Amino acid sequence: MSHKKIIMPSACDPVIEDIEDMVSSTDPTPHERQSARKNIVPRPKKKKELLNDEELQADSVIPGMQKIWMKTWGCSHNNSDGEYMAGQLAASGYKMTDDPAEADLWLLNSCTVKNPAEDHFRNSIKKAQEQEKKVVVAGCVPQAQPRMDYLKGLSIIGVQQIDRVVEVVDEAVKGHSVRLLGQKKEGGRRLGGARLDLPKIRKNPLIEIISINTGCLNACTYCKTKHARGDLASYPIEELVKRVRQSFQEGVCEIWLTSEDTGAYGRDIGTDLPTLLWRLVEQIPDGAMLRLGMTNPPYILEHLGEMAKILNHPRVYAFLHVPVQSASDSVLMDMKREYCIDDFKRVVDFLKERVPGVTIATDIICGFPGETEEDFQETLELVKLYRFPSLFINQFYPRPGTPAAKMEQVPAQVKKQRTRELSQLFHSYNPYDHKVGEMQHVLVTEESFDAQYYVAHNKFYEQVLVPKKVEFKGKMIEVEIYEAGKHFMKGRPVEDSKPFNPSIAAPLQQGEVSGLIQEQSVRGTSGSSSILIGCFSVDREALKKLGIGLAVAAALLAFIIDKLY
C-alpha cells in the first residue's frame, strides 16, 4: 500500500492543489506573525469606505486572531494529539476557549472505534455548520474515511500531520478547504508521527500523556483504528527519554504511556518495551509515577519476567490493561487476535503471582459475529474467575470497511441481552471491600466529576477519593481507607503525615503552553527571577521594564533563533 501524501481538492475557487501552494518560504512564520500582531493598530475607516458584507473577501481575514474550541473523543493517544494541536495554535496566537458558542472555529478530534463516538462527531459537525462556525476535523475518522459525504468541503488534519495544524487552521479561517493526510517518513521508514517536543497544552498540568508508538502489528477484523493509524511505527528511545525529562521539568508528577499497542513498541526499530521502560524509570523523581498503556497479549508474553520487575518498581503503577475481547478461542480466531485464551490466562496468572496486588484491566466485546451462547458463557466464566476490577464492556458495532462488518451478525436483541448480562455480573462484586482499614500512599492528580473530592491513585492505580484541600494537589499523601465503592475507595489523611511533593518544578498553569516558556523554578533554584525561553535565560524584571510580555518575548527569540540557525 502506498503512503503517498493525499491532498484533496479545495472547495474554494480556484482549486488549490496543495497546502504548499498557499504557504511559501517567503511567508511569515507563526512566530513572526505573533510578534507582528502586537504592533498592528487598526485604522478606522470612514463610513463611505466601509465594505458591505458581500464585498468582504475571505482572504481579508487575518489568521491567528480567532478563538478556537476543540473537542476530542476517544483514547489517551487522541487526547495527547489534541493537547499538541491546542499548544501549537495557542503558541501561534489563537485563543483556545472552553465555550463553543464564542469560538470562531471548531476543531473536532474524532475517534473511529465505535459507532456512537463517530455519531457524536458527525452531530458536532452539523451543529457547527448550523451555527455558521468554521470547522477543521482531525483524528481517526477523517484519516480513515476522508471521502465520507458529511466531510465534504471540510478541512482535514491527518493523525500524522498534527505538527501542521496551524497551517490548516490558518486557511480554514480564511474560507479555504485543505486536506493534509500524508504519512511521516524518513529514509523510506515510516515515523511514529509528529515530533514529541512540539508545544502542548496539557488538559491536566500534572499529567503528561506520551505516545511511544503509533499503529500496531495486528489486523483485527473488527478494528477501524488500524485504517487510520496504520502499521507499527515507534519513536526512538532517546526522544522519549528527552520528552519525559522535559515533562518533569515542567512540574508534571504522573506520566501516561500510550499507543494502539504499547507491548509491540520497538519491534520496528530493533528494541522492545522493557528496554524503554528501564530507561524511563531513571528519569522519574521520587513520589512521581508512570502508568503503562494498553498492551495486547501476544507481545507481552515475550517479556513477562521483565514486565513483572518493572511493575514492582516503586515509581511504576502495578497496573496493566490487557484486552481479552472474548474467552472463546473460536471467536478470538474470527477476530484474528493472534492468541488463545490460555495465553491470556498465562499473562494474568504470571503477573498476579509475581506482582502482588496488580490490577489487570481488560475489554470484552459482546455479540461479535458468530458468537454462540456457549462462547458467551466461556466469557462469563472468565470474568467470574478473575473478577476484574476494571472491565470495559462493549456491544459489538460493525464498522464500515472492516471484515467483521461482512460477517453474519448476531441479532441486535441478543447482543443487548449479553451486554446486559455481563454488566450485571461485573456489578455483582465489589473489588475493594477488603481494603477498608488499609493505610495507603496515594498520588493526588485530579478533581472528581462532582467537584467534591480530589482524585488520587494508589500503587495499583486504584482510585481513592480524598478531601479537597489545595495543599494535597500534585502531592503524595498517606491515607486510611474508610469506605469502598464499586469503582473507588475513600481515604482520610493520616494524622502527622506530611504531603510529599514529587515535582521537581512548579507545574504550568491551566492553559499554559508546554515547551514554549519554562519557569526556572526547578527544585533548589526556586525564587529565581529569570525564565527559560528555548535555551536562553531572560530576566523577568527586564522584560517588565521594556513592556514586553512573555509570549511576545518567546516569539521574538524563536524568530531570532530561526534566522541564526
Protein backbone atom coordinates (compact mmCIF):
# COMPACT_ATOMS: atom_id res chain seq x y z
CA MET A 1 0.00 0.00 0.00
CA SER A 2 1.36 3.41 -0.96
CA HIS A 3 1.81 6.02 1.76
CA LYS A 4 1.89 8.90 -0.70
CA LYS A 5 0.57 12.13 0.78
CA ILE A 6 -3.06 12.74 -0.16
CA ILE A 7 -4.18 16.33 -0.70
CA MET A 8 -7.87 16.51 -1.56
CA PRO A 9 -9.10 19.36 -3.86
CA SER A 10 -10.22 22.51 -2.15
CA ALA A 11 -13.82 23.65 -2.11
CA CYS A 12 -12.74 27.19 -2.92
CA ASP A 13 -12.29 28.69 -6.38
CA PRO A 14 -9.70 28.44 -7.86
CA VAL A 15 -8.78 24.91 -6.79
CA ILE A 16 -5.70 24.81 -4.57
CA GLU A 17 -3.74 21.68 -5.32
CA ASP A 18 -1.53 21.59 -2.25
CA ILE A 19 -1.15 23.46 1.00
CA GLU A 20 2.40 24.36 -0.07
CA ASP A 21 0.79 26.49 -2.82
CA MET A 22 -0.57 28.73 -0.09
CA VAL A 23 2.26 28.70 2.45
CA SER A 24 5.54 29.56 0.78
CA SER A 25 9.04 30.02 2.15
CA THR A 26 8.62 33.80 1.87
CA ASP A 27 5.53 33.88 4.09
CA PRO A 28 5.99 34.97 7.73
CA THR A 29 6.48 32.17 10.26
CA PRO A 30 3.93 31.78 13.10
CA HIS A 31 6.42 33.41 15.47
CA GLU A 32 6.91 36.36 13.10
CA ARG A 33 3.19 36.74 12.76
CA GLN A 34 2.70 36.59 16.53
CA SER A 35 5.16 39.39 17.21
CA ALA A 36 3.87 41.50 14.33
CA ARG A 37 0.26 41.32 15.53
CA LYS A 38 1.12 43.13 18.76
CA ASN A 39 2.17 46.18 16.78
CA ILE A 40 -0.85 46.38 14.47
CA VAL A 41 -3.14 49.36 15.19
CA PRO A 42 -6.33 49.24 13.10
CA ARG A 43 -7.07 52.46 11.20
CA PRO A 44 -10.78 53.33 11.46
CA LYS A 45 -12.45 53.71 8.07
CA LYS A 46 -14.75 56.48 7.10
CA LYS A 47 -18.32 55.36 6.67
CA LYS A 48 -18.21 55.67 2.91
CA GLU A 49 -15.16 53.36 2.84
CA LEU A 50 -16.88 50.55 4.74
CA LEU A 51 -17.46 47.41 2.69
CA ASN A 52 -20.73 45.58 2.52
CA ASP A 53 -20.73 42.00 3.81
CA GLU A 54 -20.99 40.78 0.23
CA GLU A 55 -17.85 42.70 -0.75
CA LEU A 56 -15.71 41.32 2.11
CA GLN A 57 -13.29 38.78 0.66
CA ALA A 58 -12.27 35.66 2.63
CA ASP A 59 -8.58 36.46 2.15
CA SER A 60 -9.04 39.74 4.06
CA VAL A 61 -9.39 37.72 7.27
CA ILE A 62 -6.18 37.79 9.34
CA PRO A 63 -5.46 34.27 10.68
CA GLY A 64 -4.40 33.90 14.30
CA MET A 65 -6.80 36.44 15.79
CA GLN A 66 -9.66 33.97 16.25
CA LYS A 67 -10.98 31.90 19.14
CA ILE A 68 -10.91 28.12 18.77
CA TRP A 69 -12.91 25.47 20.59
CA MET A 70 -11.57 21.93 20.46
CA LYS A 71 -13.39 18.71 21.26
CA THR A 72 -11.58 15.36 21.49
CA TRP A 73 -13.16 11.91 21.58
CA GLY A 74 -11.50 8.55 22.21
CA CYS A 75 -8.31 7.18 23.66
CA SER A 76 -5.42 8.79 25.54
CA HIS A 77 -3.40 8.80 22.27
CA ASN A 78 -6.10 11.00 20.74
CA ASN A 79 -6.08 13.20 23.84
CA SER A 80 -2.32 13.66 23.55
CA ASP A 81 -2.74 14.65 19.88
CA GLY A 82 -5.37 17.16 20.95
CA GLU A 83 -3.06 18.67 23.56
CA TYR A 84 -0.33 19.09 20.93
CA MET A 85 -2.71 20.77 18.47
CA ALA A 86 -4.00 23.17 21.14
CA GLY A 87 -0.44 24.06 22.15
CA GLN A 88 0.65 24.89 18.63
CA LEU A 89 -2.42 27.01 17.96
CA ALA A 90 -2.01 28.94 21.22
CA ALA A 91 1.70 29.48 20.52
CA SER A 92 0.75 30.88 17.12
CA GLY A 93 -1.60 33.45 18.64
CA TYR A 94 -5.00 31.76 18.53
CA LYS A 95 -7.06 31.83 21.72
CA MET A 96 -8.30 28.44 22.91
CA THR A 97 -11.71 28.69 24.54
CA ASP A 98 -13.91 26.32 26.55
CA ASP A 99 -17.06 27.97 25.20
CA PRO A 100 -18.08 26.61 21.78
CA ALA A 101 -20.58 29.46 21.31
CA GLU A 102 -17.91 32.18 21.40
CA ALA A 103 -15.47 30.28 19.17
CA ASP A 104 -14.89 31.29 15.55
CA LEU A 105 -13.69 27.80 14.60
CA TRP A 106 -14.34 24.32 15.95
CA LEU A 107 -11.50 21.80 15.85
CA LEU A 108 -13.08 18.34 16.18
CA ASN A 109 -10.68 15.49 17.00
CA SER A 110 -12.51 12.24 16.28
CA CYS A 111 -12.47 8.57 17.30
CA THR A 112 -13.42 5.71 14.99
CA VAL A 113 -13.54 2.80 17.47
CA LYS A 114 -17.32 2.73 17.94
CA ASN A 115 -20.38 3.91 16.06
CA PRO A 116 -21.60 6.18 18.91
CA ALA A 117 -18.29 8.08 19.00
CA GLU A 118 -18.50 8.73 15.27
CA ASP A 119 -22.16 9.70 15.61
CA HIS A 120 -21.26 12.36 18.21
CA PHE A 121 -18.52 13.62 15.89
CA ARG A 122 -20.89 13.86 12.90
CA ASN A 123 -23.54 15.61 15.01
CA SER A 124 -20.97 18.14 16.21
CA ILE A 125 -20.06 18.96 12.61
CA LYS A 126 -23.74 19.52 11.81
CA LYS A 127 -24.17 21.71 14.88
CA ALA A 128 -21.12 23.81 13.94
CA GLN A 129 -22.44 24.33 10.43
CA GLU A 130 -25.86 25.34 11.76
CA GLN A 131 -24.12 27.96 13.91
CA GLU A 132 -22.02 29.08 10.92
CA LYS A 133 -18.74 28.14 12.59
CA LYS A 134 -15.64 27.33 10.60
CA VAL A 135 -14.71 23.64 11.05
CA VAL A 136 -11.46 21.67 10.97
CA VAL A 137 -11.67 17.91 11.56
CA ALA A 138 -8.91 15.68 12.89
CA GLY A 139 -8.41 12.22 14.34
CA CYS A 140 -9.09 8.72 13.11
CA VAL A 141 -12.44 9.18 11.34
CA PRO A 142 -11.34 11.58 8.57
CA GLN A 143 -7.94 9.87 8.32
CA ALA A 144 -9.60 6.52 7.63
CA GLN A 145 -12.59 7.81 5.60
CA PRO A 146 -11.77 11.25 4.13
CA ARG A 147 -14.39 10.86 1.36
CA MET A 148 -17.40 10.49 3.66
CA ASP A 149 -20.28 12.69 2.48
CA TYR A 150 -20.53 14.63 5.74
CA LEU A 151 -16.82 15.60 5.46
CA LYS A 152 -17.22 17.23 2.04
CA GLY A 153 -15.78 20.73 1.93
CA LEU A 154 -14.21 20.48 5.38
CA SER A 155 -10.54 20.99 6.18
CA ILE A 156 -8.80 17.87 7.49
CA ILE A 157 -5.61 17.44 9.50
CA GLY A 158 -4.26 13.87 9.42
CA VAL A 159 -3.19 11.94 12.52
CA GLN A 160 0.47 12.12 11.47
CA GLN A 161 0.29 15.77 10.40
CA ILE A 162 -0.71 17.42 13.67
CA ASP A 163 2.53 19.45 13.56
CA ARG A 164 0.95 21.42 10.67
CA VAL A 165 -2.37 22.16 12.32
CA VAL A 166 -1.66 25.92 12.36
CA GLU A 167 -1.33 26.00 8.57
CA VAL A 168 -4.61 24.15 8.10
CA VAL A 169 -6.48 26.34 10.61
CA ASP A 170 -5.00 29.49 9.02
CA GLU A 171 -6.52 28.51 5.70
CA ALA A 172 -9.80 27.37 7.22
CA VAL A 173 -10.43 30.74 8.89
CA LYS A 174 -9.86 32.40 5.51
CA GLY A 175 -12.56 30.22 3.99
CA HIS A 176 -10.31 27.73 2.21
CA SER A 177 -10.73 23.97 2.46
CA VAL A 178 -7.50 21.99 2.69
CA ARG A 179 -6.70 18.37 3.47
CA LEU A 180 -3.39 17.15 4.81
CA LEU A 181 -3.31 13.37 5.21
CA GLY A 182 0.27 12.30 4.47
CA GLN A 183 2.49 9.88 6.36
CA LYS A 184 5.69 10.87 8.16
CA LYS A 185 8.71 9.14 6.61
CA GLU A 186 12.47 9.38 6.90
CA GLY A 187 14.82 7.39 4.72
CA GLY A 188 11.88 5.36 3.46
CA ARG A 189 10.88 4.31 7.00
CA ARG A 190 7.55 5.34 8.49
CA LEU A 191 7.98 7.51 11.58
CA GLY A 192 5.99 7.39 14.79
CA GLY A 193 4.32 10.69 14.00
CA ALA A 194 4.85 14.38 14.72
CA ARG A 195 7.77 15.49 16.88
CA LEU A 196 7.41 14.97 20.63
CA ASP A 197 8.85 18.40 21.51
CA LEU A 198 6.01 20.40 19.92
CA PRO A 199 4.19 22.98 22.06
CA LYS A 200 1.37 21.41 24.06
CA ILE A 201 -1.41 22.49 26.40
CA ARG A 202 -1.93 19.68 28.90
CA LYS A 203 -5.54 19.12 29.87
CA ASN A 204 -4.16 18.39 33.33
CA PRO A 205 -0.85 20.22 34.01
CA LEU A 206 0.14 17.40 36.38
CA ILE A 207 -0.20 14.60 33.82
CA GLU A 208 1.86 14.12 30.65
CA ILE A 209 0.49 11.72 28.02
CA ILE A 210 3.22 10.40 25.74
CA SER A 211 2.61 8.32 22.63
CA ILE A 212 5.51 5.85 22.39
CA ASN A 213 4.42 4.48 19.01
CA THR A 214 1.57 4.76 16.57
CA GLY A 215 -0.22 1.98 14.72
CA CYS A 216 0.05 -1.72 15.51
CA LEU A 217 1.05 -5.12 14.11
CA ASN A 218 -2.37 -6.73 14.38
CA ALA A 219 -5.10 -6.99 11.76
CA CYS A 220 -8.18 -7.46 13.98
CA THR A 221 -11.24 -7.98 11.82
CA TYR A 222 -13.41 -5.52 13.80
CA CYS A 223 -10.93 -2.65 14.11
CA LYS A 224 -11.24 0.61 12.20
CA THR A 225 -8.38 2.35 14.03
CA LYS A 226 -5.85 0.35 12.01
CA HIS A 227 -7.19 2.06 8.88
CA ALA A 228 -6.25 5.42 10.39
CA ARG A 229 -3.11 4.74 12.41
CA GLY A 230 -1.59 2.11 10.12
CA ASP A 231 1.28 -0.26 10.86
CA LEU A 232 3.58 0.00 13.85
CA ALA A 233 5.97 2.96 13.95
CA SER A 234 7.91 3.59 17.17
CA TYR A 235 9.63 6.70 18.50
CA PRO A 236 13.35 6.28 19.30
CA ILE A 237 14.16 5.72 22.97
CA GLU A 238 16.27 8.87 23.25
CA GLU A 239 13.39 11.07 22.02
CA LEU A 240 11.05 9.53 24.59
CA VAL A 241 13.58 9.93 27.40
CA LYS A 242 14.02 13.59 26.45
CA ARG A 243 10.26 14.17 26.45
CA VAL A 244 9.87 12.55 29.88
CA ARG A 245 12.70 14.67 31.26
CA GLN A 246 11.14 17.86 29.88
CA SER A 247 7.75 16.93 31.34
CA PHE A 248 9.14 16.61 34.85
CA GLN A 249 10.97 19.93 34.42
CA GLU A 250 7.53 21.47 33.78
CA GLY A 251 6.07 20.21 37.04
CA VAL A 252 4.40 17.02 35.87
CA CYS A 253 4.13 14.29 38.53
CA GLU A 254 2.49 11.49 36.50
CA ILE A 255 3.36 10.08 33.07
CA TRP A 256 0.97 8.03 30.93
CA LEU A 257 2.48 5.97 28.14
CA THR A 258 0.02 5.38 25.34
CA SER A 259 -0.33 3.86 21.87
CA GLU A 260 -2.54 1.44 19.98
CA ASP A 261 -0.39 -1.36 21.45
CA THR A 262 2.41 -0.46 23.88
CA GLY A 263 3.51 -4.10 24.05
CA ALA A 264 4.60 -4.01 20.39
CA TYR A 265 6.85 -0.99 21.00
CA GLY A 266 10.26 -1.14 19.34
CA ARG A 267 9.76 -4.15 17.07
CA ASP A 268 10.20 -1.92 14.03
CA ILE A 269 13.38 -0.24 15.32
CA GLY A 270 15.23 -3.16 16.92
CA THR A 271 14.31 -2.68 20.57
CA ASP A 272 11.46 -3.57 22.96
CA LEU A 273 9.18 -2.22 25.69
CA PRO A 274 11.20 -3.34 28.76
CA THR A 275 14.34 -1.69 27.36
CA LEU A 276 12.43 1.58 27.01
CA LEU A 277 10.82 1.33 30.44
CA TRP A 278 14.10 0.77 32.28
CA ARG A 279 15.44 3.93 30.64
CA LEU A 280 12.34 5.93 31.55
CA VAL A 281 12.20 4.96 35.23
CA GLU A 282 15.65 6.50 35.64
CA GLN A 283 14.03 9.88 34.93
CA ILE A 284 11.14 9.60 37.40
CA PRO A 285 11.55 11.65 40.62
CA ASP A 286 10.66 10.10 43.99
CA GLY A 287 6.91 10.19 44.52
CA ALA A 288 6.10 10.65 40.82
CA MET A 289 4.55 7.75 38.93
CA LEU A 290 4.49 6.10 35.50
CA ARG A 291 1.38 4.38 34.09
CA LEU A 292 1.61 1.88 31.23
CA GLY A 293 -0.93 1.89 28.43
CA MET A 294 -2.82 -0.90 26.71
CA THR A 295 -0.91 -3.95 25.52
CA ASN A 296 -2.24 -6.92 23.57
CA PRO A 297 -1.45 -10.42 24.91
CA PRO A 298 0.84 -11.70 22.09
CA TYR A 299 3.62 -9.17 22.68
CA ILE A 300 3.59 -9.01 26.46
CA LEU A 301 4.01 -12.81 26.59
CA GLU A 302 7.62 -12.48 25.46
CA HIS A 303 8.55 -10.10 28.28
CA LEU A 304 6.59 -11.36 31.29
CA GLY A 305 9.61 -11.67 33.59
CA GLU A 306 10.92 -8.18 32.88
CA MET A 307 7.43 -6.66 32.95
CA ALA A 308 6.83 -8.13 36.42
CA LYS A 309 10.06 -6.49 37.67
CA ILE A 310 9.05 -3.14 36.14
CA LEU A 311 5.52 -3.25 37.58
CA ASN A 312 7.05 -3.88 41.02
CA HIS A 313 9.17 -0.73 40.70
CA PRO A 314 8.07 1.82 43.35
CA ARG A 315 7.65 4.58 40.75
CA VAL A 316 5.56 2.49 38.31
CA TYR A 317 1.88 1.74 38.86
CA ALA A 318 1.25 -2.01 39.25
CA PHE A 319 -1.42 -1.73 36.57
CA LEU A 320 -1.74 -3.25 33.11
CA HIS A 321 -4.55 -3.00 30.56
CA VAL A 322 -4.66 -6.26 28.59
CA PRO A 323 -7.77 -6.58 26.37
CA VAL A 324 -9.07 -10.14 26.07
CA GLN A 325 -12.22 -9.32 24.00
CA SER A 326 -13.59 -12.89 24.32
CA ALA A 327 -12.83 -16.06 26.25
CA SER A 328 -13.76 -18.26 23.28
CA ASP A 329 -10.90 -19.46 21.09
CA SER A 330 -13.19 -19.73 18.07
CA VAL A 331 -14.30 -16.11 18.48
CA LEU A 332 -10.71 -14.98 19.01
CA MET A 333 -9.79 -16.76 15.78
CA ASP A 334 -12.57 -14.95 13.90
CA MET A 335 -11.34 -11.69 15.40
CA LYS A 336 -7.76 -12.53 14.28
CA ARG A 337 -6.49 -11.73 17.76
CA GLU A 338 -3.40 -13.97 17.37
CA TYR A 339 -3.63 -15.60 20.79
CA CYS A 340 -5.79 -18.18 22.55
CA ILE A 341 -7.49 -17.81 25.90
CA ASP A 342 -4.76 -19.87 27.61
CA ASP A 343 -2.22 -17.24 26.51
CA PHE A 344 -4.27 -14.52 28.19
CA LYS A 345 -4.62 -16.59 31.38
CA ARG A 346 -0.87 -17.17 31.41
CA VAL A 347 -0.25 -13.41 31.34
CA VAL A 348 -2.73 -12.73 34.15
CA ASP A 349 -1.65 -15.65 36.35
CA PHE A 350 2.05 -14.87 35.97
CA LEU A 351 1.64 -11.18 36.84
CA LYS A 352 -0.70 -11.87 39.75
CA GLU A 353 1.87 -14.26 41.20
CA ARG A 354 4.94 -12.05 40.65
CA VAL A 355 3.30 -8.63 41.28
CA PRO A 356 1.14 -9.00 44.41
CA GLY A 357 -1.99 -6.85 44.18
CA VAL A 358 -1.51 -5.99 40.49
CA THR A 359 -4.53 -4.50 38.72
CA ILE A 360 -5.38 -6.15 35.40
CA ALA A 361 -7.93 -4.21 33.36
CA THR A 362 -9.48 -5.78 30.30
CA ASP A 363 -12.00 -5.26 27.46
CA ILE A 364 -14.77 -7.57 26.27
CA ILE A 365 -16.88 -7.36 23.10
CA CYS A 366 -20.38 -8.81 23.38
CA GLY A 367 -22.11 -10.22 20.32
CA PHE A 368 -19.22 -10.49 17.87
CA PRO A 369 -20.39 -12.13 14.59
CA GLY A 370 -20.71 -15.88 15.03
CA GLU A 371 -20.57 -15.77 18.86
CA THR A 372 -22.69 -18.61 20.19
CA GLU A 373 -24.32 -18.85 23.60
CA GLU A 374 -21.59 -21.33 24.58
CA ASP A 375 -18.91 -18.84 23.51
CA PHE A 376 -20.52 -16.15 25.64
CA GLN A 377 -20.76 -18.46 28.67
CA GLU A 378 -16.98 -19.00 28.43
CA THR A 379 -16.53 -15.24 28.66
CA LEU A 380 -18.78 -15.07 31.73
CA GLU A 381 -16.73 -17.81 33.40
CA LEU A 382 -13.52 -15.86 32.75
CA VAL A 383 -14.95 -12.79 34.49
CA LYS A 384 -16.15 -14.93 37.41
CA LEU A 385 -12.66 -16.42 37.71
CA TYR A 386 -10.67 -13.16 37.78
CA ARG A 387 -13.28 -10.63 38.97
CA PHE A 388 -11.57 -7.87 37.02
CA PRO A 389 -11.79 -4.60 38.99
CA SER A 390 -11.77 -2.62 35.74
CA LEU A 391 -13.77 -4.06 32.84
CA PHE A 392 -14.67 -2.22 29.63
CA ILE A 393 -17.79 -3.84 28.18
CA ASN A 394 -18.57 -3.10 24.53
CA GLN A 395 -21.55 -4.19 22.48
CA PHE A 396 -20.29 -5.11 19.02
CA TYR A 397 -20.75 -2.46 16.34
CA PRO A 398 -19.93 -3.36 12.71
CA ARG A 399 -17.56 -0.68 11.47
CA PRO A 400 -17.81 0.04 7.73
CA GLY A 401 -14.91 -1.31 5.72
CA THR A 402 -13.88 -3.97 8.25
CA PRO A 403 -14.07 -7.73 7.58
CA ALA A 404 -16.31 -8.22 10.62
CA ALA A 405 -18.94 -5.95 9.08
CA LYS A 406 -19.39 -8.51 6.29
CA MET A 407 -19.77 -11.49 8.63
CA GLU A 408 -23.12 -12.92 9.70
CA GLN A 409 -24.27 -10.66 12.53
CA VAL A 410 -25.66 -11.68 15.91
CA PRO A 411 -29.23 -10.33 16.27
CA ALA A 412 -29.35 -6.91 17.94
CA GLN A 413 -31.56 -8.09 20.82
CA VAL A 414 -29.12 -10.92 21.57
CA LYS A 415 -26.18 -8.51 21.64
CA LYS A 416 -28.06 -6.23 24.02
CA GLN A 417 -29.02 -9.14 26.28
CA ARG A 418 -25.44 -10.41 26.50
CA THR A 419 -24.13 -6.93 27.19
CA ARG A 420 -26.69 -6.53 29.96
CA GLU A 421 -25.90 -9.95 31.46
CA LEU A 422 -22.14 -9.28 31.52
CA SER A 423 -22.72 -5.85 33.08
CA GLN A 424 -24.86 -7.40 35.81
CA LEU A 425 -22.10 -9.90 36.57
CA PHE A 426 -19.49 -7.15 36.72
CA HIS A 427 -21.60 -5.12 39.16
CA SER A 428 -22.29 -8.13 41.36
CA TYR A 429 -18.92 -7.95 43.13
CA ASN A 430 -17.03 -5.20 44.93
CA PRO A 431 -13.27 -5.50 44.40
CA TYR A 432 -12.20 -3.07 47.14
CA ASP A 433 -14.26 -4.07 50.21
CA HIS A 434 -11.33 -5.95 51.76
CA LYS A 435 -9.16 -2.82 51.63
CA VAL A 436 -11.16 -0.83 54.18
CA GLY A 437 -8.83 -0.04 57.08
CA GLU A 438 -5.65 -0.16 54.99
CA MET A 439 -3.02 2.59 55.09
CA GLN A 440 -2.06 3.62 51.55
CA HIS A 441 0.22 6.15 49.89
CA VAL A 442 -1.65 7.86 47.06
CA LEU A 443 -0.73 10.45 44.43
CA VAL A 444 -3.32 13.25 44.08
CA THR A 445 -3.71 14.48 40.49
CA GLU A 446 -7.32 15.38 39.65
CA GLU A 447 -10.67 16.70 40.82
CA SER A 448 -13.68 14.38 40.95
CA PHE A 449 -16.53 14.86 38.47
CA ASP A 450 -18.82 16.20 41.20
CA ALA A 451 -16.04 18.58 42.36
CA GLN A 452 -16.48 17.31 45.95
CA TYR A 453 -13.16 15.45 46.23
CA TYR A 454 -9.68 15.21 44.84
CA VAL A 455 -8.91 12.01 42.97
CA ALA A 456 -5.76 10.08 43.88
CA HIS A 457 -4.36 6.68 42.88
CA ASN A 458 -2.51 4.14 44.96
CA LYS A 459 0.33 1.89 43.79
CA PHE A 460 -2.18 -0.33 41.95
CA TYR A 461 -3.79 2.61 40.14
CA GLU A 462 -6.97 2.15 42.16
CA GLN A 463 -8.99 5.33 42.53
CA VAL A 464 -9.01 6.87 46.00
CA LEU A 465 -11.10 9.95 46.81
CA VAL A 466 -9.50 12.32 49.35
CA PRO A 467 -10.55 15.63 50.95
CA LYS A 468 -10.37 18.58 48.58
CA LYS A 469 -7.53 20.51 50.22
CA VAL A 470 -5.38 22.61 47.92
CA GLU A 471 -2.19 21.51 49.67
CA PHE A 472 -2.85 17.91 48.52
CA LYS A 473 -2.98 18.63 44.76
CA GLY A 474 0.04 17.11 42.99
CA LYS A 475 1.31 15.56 46.23
CA MET A 476 1.86 12.03 47.53
CA ILE A 477 -0.08 11.63 50.79
CA GLU A 478 -0.77 8.81 53.25
CA VAL A 479 -4.41 7.93 53.86
CA GLU A 480 -6.51 5.42 55.77
CA ILE A 481 -9.22 3.77 53.65
CA TYR A 482 -12.57 4.16 55.42
CA GLU A 483 -15.05 3.37 52.63
CA ALA A 484 -15.14 1.32 49.43
CA GLY A 485 -17.43 1.54 46.40
CA LYS A 486 -17.55 -0.33 43.11
CA HIS A 487 -15.07 1.94 41.32
CA PHE A 488 -13.34 3.80 44.14
CA MET A 489 -12.25 3.98 47.74
CA LYS A 490 -12.33 6.94 50.12
CA GLY A 491 -9.35 7.82 52.26
CA ARG A 492 -8.77 10.20 55.17
CA PRO A 493 -5.31 11.70 55.63
CA VAL A 494 -3.23 10.08 58.36
CA GLU A 495 -2.53 12.46 61.23
CA ASP A 496 1.03 13.82 61.48
CA SER A 497 1.86 12.62 57.94
CA LYS A 498 3.07 15.39 55.66
CA PRO A 499 2.26 15.59 51.95
CA PHE A 500 5.31 14.85 49.81
CA ASN A 501 5.88 16.93 46.68
CA PRO A 502 7.25 14.74 43.86
CA SER A 503 7.50 17.60 41.35
CA ILE A 504 10.99 18.99 40.72
CA ALA A 505 9.44 22.21 39.33
CA ALA A 506 6.30 24.27 39.72
CA PRO A 507 3.60 22.91 37.40
CA LEU A 508 2.40 25.04 34.49
CA GLN A 509 -0.80 26.98 34.96
CA GLN A 510 -4.00 25.63 33.44
CA GLY A 511 -3.93 26.52 29.73
CA GLU A 512 -0.23 27.44 29.72
CA VAL A 513 1.76 26.18 26.75
CA SER A 514 4.35 23.47 27.42
CA GLY A 515 7.64 23.73 25.60
CA LEU A 516 7.28 27.45 24.83
CA ILE A 517 8.20 29.02 28.15
CA GLN A 518 9.69 27.07 31.04
CA GLU A 519 9.87 28.55 34.52
CA GLN A 520 13.28 28.20 36.16
CA SER A 521 11.82 27.04 39.44
CA VAL A 522 13.41 23.62 39.45
CA ARG A 523 13.83 22.34 42.99
CA GLY A 524 16.81 24.11 44.52
CA THR A 525 16.50 27.20 42.30
CA SER A 526 13.03 28.42 43.23
CA GLY A 527 12.84 32.16 43.65
CA SER A 528 14.85 32.79 40.52
CA SER A 529 13.63 35.88 38.67
CA SER A 530 14.70 34.55 35.28
CA ILE A 531 12.76 32.49 32.80
CA LEU A 532 13.97 30.00 30.25
CA ILE A 533 12.87 30.61 26.65
CA GLY A 534 14.31 27.91 24.43
CA CYS A 535 17.93 27.76 25.58
CA PHE A 536 18.08 31.45 26.63
CA SER A 537 17.79 32.71 30.19
CA VAL A 538 15.90 36.01 30.28
CA ASP A 539 15.42 38.30 33.28
CA ARG A 540 11.73 38.66 34.10
CA GLU A 541 12.09 42.17 35.56
CA ALA A 542 13.94 43.38 32.47
CA LEU A 543 11.02 42.24 30.33
CA LYS A 544 8.59 44.14 32.55
CA LYS A 545 10.62 47.37 32.25
CA LEU A 546 10.63 47.02 28.48
CA GLY A 547 6.90 46.36 28.49
CA ILE A 548 7.37 43.02 26.72
CA GLY A 549 5.08 40.11 27.56
CA LEU A 550 6.32 36.52 27.87
CA ALA A 551 4.54 35.32 24.73
CA VAL A 552 6.00 38.17 22.66
CA ALA A 553 9.47 37.54 24.10
CA ALA A 554 9.19 33.87 23.21
CA ALA A 555 8.06 34.68 19.67
CA LEU A 556 10.88 37.21 19.16
CA LEU A 557 13.53 34.83 20.43
CA ALA A 558 12.18 31.98 18.34
CA PHE A 559 12.34 34.25 15.28
CA ILE A 560 15.96 35.22 16.08
CA ILE A 561 16.98 31.60 16.65
CA ASP A 562 15.32 30.58 13.38
CA LYS A 563 17.28 33.24 11.47
CA LEU A 564 20.57 32.41 13.20
CA TYR A 565 20.42 28.67 12.72
